[in-house]
Amino acid sequence: METESTCGKCGGSDLHAGTLDAFQPIIFRPTGPNEFLPRSVTVLATLCAGCGEITVHADAGSLRAFHTKP
């Protein structure tokens, strides 16, 4: 997934890519009986320096691996 080139809130273009960390990267881990563990999708973030808006999205590489059965 390609990140946006402008902020969805203010329209600014001073965007900075990164991750949200709490001593380690935040991941999406599904729940449910049909999910294959240990599967996780890395969550990436983009910060707008103009208004402070932070948006999050899944890392495309880990999303593809998530859909591949072990």
N, C-alpha and C. Protein backbone atom coordinates (compact mmCIF):
# COMPACT_ATOMS: atom_id res chain seq x y z
N MET A 1 0.83 -1.17 0.00
CA MET A 1 0.00 0.00 0.00
C MET A 1 0.88 1.23 0.00
N GLU A 2 0.67 2.11 -0.91
CA GLU A 2 1.46 3.32 -1.00
C GLU A 2 0.85 4.39 -0.11
N THR A 3 1.69 5.13 0.60
CA THR A 3 1.18 6.17 1.48
C THR A 3 0.74 7.37 0.65
N GLU A 4 -0.17 8.14 1.21
CA GLU A 4 -0.67 9.34 0.54
C GLU A 4 0.43 10.39 0.48
N SER A 5 0.33 11.31 -0.49
CA SER A 5 1.34 12.36 -0.61
C SER A 5 0.89 13.66 0.06
N THR A 6 -0.39 13.71 0.48
CA THR A 6 -0.89 14.86 1.22
C THR A 6 -1.71 14.38 2.42
N CYS A 7 -1.78 15.21 3.43
CA CYS A 7 -2.52 14.89 4.64
C CYS A 7 -4.03 14.90 4.35
N GLY A 8 -4.72 13.88 4.81
CA GLY A 8 -6.16 13.80 4.62
C GLY A 8 -6.93 14.80 5.48
N LYS A 9 -6.30 15.32 6.52
CA LYS A 9 -6.98 16.26 7.41
C LYS A 9 -6.80 17.71 6.97
N CYS A 10 -5.53 18.12 6.72
CA CYS A 10 -5.27 19.54 6.41
C CYS A 10 -4.80 19.78 4.99
N GLY A 11 -4.47 18.70 4.25
CA GLY A 11 -3.97 18.85 2.88
C GLY A 11 -2.49 19.16 2.79
N GLY A 12 -1.81 19.21 3.94
CA GLY A 12 -0.38 19.50 3.96
C GLY A 12 0.44 18.40 3.30
N SER A 13 1.65 18.76 2.89
CA SER A 13 2.51 17.80 2.21
C SER A 13 3.79 17.48 2.98
N ASP A 14 3.95 18.02 4.19
CA ASP A 14 5.14 17.76 5.01
C ASP A 14 4.87 16.50 5.84
N LEU A 15 4.93 15.33 5.17
CA LEU A 15 4.60 14.06 5.80
C LEU A 15 5.87 13.27 6.11
N HIS A 16 5.83 12.54 7.21
CA HIS A 16 6.99 11.76 7.65
C HIS A 16 6.55 10.34 7.98
N ALA A 17 7.18 9.36 7.32
CA ALA A 17 6.83 7.95 7.52
C ALA A 17 7.56 7.41 8.74
N GLY A 18 6.94 6.44 9.41
CA GLY A 18 7.57 5.82 10.57
C GLY A 18 6.72 4.68 11.10
N THR A 19 6.94 4.34 12.36
CA THR A 19 6.16 3.30 13.03
C THR A 19 5.68 3.85 14.36
N LEU A 20 4.72 3.19 14.94
CA LEU A 20 4.29 3.49 16.30
C LEU A 20 4.94 2.45 17.19
N ASP A 21 5.74 2.89 18.14
CA ASP A 21 6.49 1.96 18.98
C ASP A 21 6.09 2.08 20.45
N ALA A 22 6.05 0.94 21.09
CA ALA A 22 5.89 0.85 22.53
C ALA A 22 6.94 -0.16 22.98
N PHE A 23 8.20 0.20 22.80
CA PHE A 23 9.38 -0.64 23.03
C PHE A 23 9.58 -1.65 21.92
N GLN A 24 8.61 -1.83 21.06
CA GLN A 24 8.74 -2.66 19.87
C GLN A 24 7.62 -2.24 18.93
N PRO A 25 7.73 -2.52 17.62
CA PRO A 25 6.70 -2.10 16.68
C PRO A 25 5.33 -2.68 17.03
N ILE A 26 4.30 -1.90 16.80
CA ILE A 26 2.93 -2.37 16.99
C ILE A 26 2.55 -3.24 15.80
N ILE A 27 1.89 -4.36 16.06
CA ILE A 27 1.47 -5.27 15.00
C ILE A 27 -0.03 -5.53 15.13
N PHE A 28 -0.64 -5.92 14.02
CA PHE A 28 -2.01 -6.38 14.01
C PHE A 28 -1.96 -7.90 14.05
N ARG A 29 -2.63 -8.49 15.04
CA ARG A 29 -2.67 -9.94 15.16
C ARG A 29 -4.14 -10.35 15.17
N PRO A 30 -4.57 -11.13 14.19
CA PRO A 30 -5.98 -11.50 14.10
C PRO A 30 -6.36 -12.52 15.17
N THR A 31 -7.65 -12.55 15.46
CA THR A 31 -8.17 -13.57 16.36
C THR A 31 -9.19 -14.40 15.59
N GLY A 32 -9.37 -15.60 15.97
CA GLY A 32 -10.36 -16.45 15.32
C GLY A 32 -9.80 -17.83 15.05
N PRO A 33 -10.70 -18.81 14.93
CA PRO A 33 -10.27 -20.20 14.77
C PRO A 33 -9.64 -20.50 13.41
N ASN A 34 -9.88 -19.69 12.40
CA ASN A 34 -9.36 -19.97 11.06
C ASN A 34 -8.07 -19.22 10.74
N GLU A 35 -7.51 -18.54 11.72
CA GLU A 35 -6.28 -17.77 11.49
C GLU A 35 -5.07 -18.65 11.76
N PHE A 36 -4.04 -18.48 10.97
CA PHE A 36 -2.80 -19.24 11.12
C PHE A 36 -1.80 -18.41 11.92
N LEU A 37 -1.47 -18.87 13.10
CA LEU A 37 -0.52 -18.16 13.93
C LEU A 37 0.82 -18.85 13.87
N PRO A 38 1.96 -18.23 14.03
CA PRO A 38 2.05 -16.82 14.40
C PRO A 38 2.05 -15.92 13.17
N ARG A 39 0.95 -15.33 12.87
CA ARG A 39 0.80 -14.38 11.77
C ARG A 39 0.59 -13.00 12.36
N SER A 40 1.23 -12.02 11.79
CA SER A 40 1.01 -10.65 12.22
C SER A 40 1.30 -9.73 11.05
N VAL A 41 0.74 -8.55 11.10
CA VAL A 41 0.94 -7.54 10.07
C VAL A 41 1.54 -6.31 10.75
N THR A 42 2.67 -5.85 10.26
CA THR A 42 3.31 -4.68 10.82
C THR A 42 2.49 -3.44 10.51
N VAL A 43 2.27 -2.61 11.51
CA VAL A 43 1.52 -1.37 11.36
C VAL A 43 2.52 -0.22 11.18
N LEU A 44 2.39 0.50 10.07
CA LEU A 44 3.23 1.66 9.78
C LEU A 44 2.42 2.93 10.01
N ALA A 45 3.09 4.04 10.15
CA ALA A 45 2.41 5.31 10.43
C ALA A 45 2.99 6.43 9.59
N THR A 46 2.17 7.45 9.37
CA THR A 46 2.60 8.67 8.71
C THR A 46 2.15 9.85 9.56
N LEU A 47 3.08 10.76 9.84
CA LEU A 47 2.80 11.94 10.64
C LEU A 47 2.81 13.17 9.75
N CYS A 48 1.79 14.01 9.87
CA CYS A 48 1.76 15.30 9.18
C CYS A 48 2.36 16.33 10.11
N ALA A 49 3.47 16.96 9.70
CA ALA A 49 4.13 17.95 10.53
C ALA A 49 3.33 19.25 10.60
N GLY A 50 2.39 19.43 9.67
CA GLY A 50 1.58 20.65 9.66
C GLY A 50 0.52 20.67 10.74
N CYS A 51 -0.21 19.57 10.91
CA CYS A 51 -1.33 19.56 11.87
C CYS A 51 -1.20 18.50 12.96
N GLY A 52 -0.23 17.60 12.82
CA GLY A 52 -0.04 16.57 13.83
C GLY A 52 -0.85 15.31 13.61
N GLU A 53 -1.62 15.25 12.55
CA GLU A 53 -2.42 14.06 12.25
C GLU A 53 -1.50 12.86 12.03
N ILE A 54 -1.82 11.73 12.65
CA ILE A 54 -1.10 10.49 12.44
C ILE A 54 -2.06 9.50 11.81
N THR A 55 -1.67 8.93 10.68
CA THR A 55 -2.47 7.89 10.04
C THR A 55 -1.69 6.59 10.09
N VAL A 56 -2.40 5.47 10.15
CA VAL A 56 -1.76 4.17 10.20
C VAL A 56 -2.23 3.30 9.05
N HIS A 57 -1.36 2.41 8.62
CA HIS A 57 -1.69 1.48 7.53
C HIS A 57 -0.82 0.24 7.67
N ALA A 58 -1.26 -0.84 7.03
CA ALA A 58 -0.53 -2.10 7.09
C ALA A 58 0.65 -2.07 6.12
N ASP A 59 1.76 -2.67 6.54
CA ASP A 59 2.92 -2.86 5.68
C ASP A 59 2.55 -3.88 4.60
N ALA A 60 2.73 -3.52 3.33
CA ALA A 60 2.31 -4.39 2.22
C ALA A 60 3.01 -5.75 2.25
N GLY A 61 4.29 -5.78 2.58
CA GLY A 61 5.03 -7.05 2.61
C GLY A 61 4.51 -7.99 3.67
N SER A 62 4.28 -7.47 4.88
CA SER A 62 3.77 -8.35 5.93
C SER A 62 2.30 -8.71 5.68
N LEU A 63 1.57 -7.86 4.97
CA LEU A 63 0.18 -8.19 4.62
C LEU A 63 0.14 -9.35 3.64
N ARG A 64 1.04 -9.36 2.65
CA ARG A 64 1.12 -10.48 1.71
C ARG A 64 1.48 -11.77 2.43
N ALA A 65 2.43 -11.71 3.35
CA ALA A 65 2.83 -12.89 4.12
C ALA A 65 1.69 -13.37 5.01
N PHE A 66 0.88 -12.46 5.49
CA PHE A 66 -0.27 -12.80 6.32
C PHE A 66 -1.25 -13.70 5.58
N HIS A 67 -1.39 -13.48 4.27
CA HIS A 67 -2.35 -14.25 3.46
C HIS A 67 -1.77 -15.55 2.93
N THR A 68 -0.50 -15.82 3.20
CA THR A 68 0.14 -17.06 2.75
C THR A 68 0.08 -18.08 3.87
N LYS A 69 -0.47 -19.22 3.58
CA LYS A 69 -0.56 -20.27 4.61
C LYS A 69 0.81 -20.86 4.88
N PRO A 70 1.05 -21.29 6.13
CA PRO A 70 2.37 -21.85 6.48
C PRO A 70 2.63 -23.16 5.76
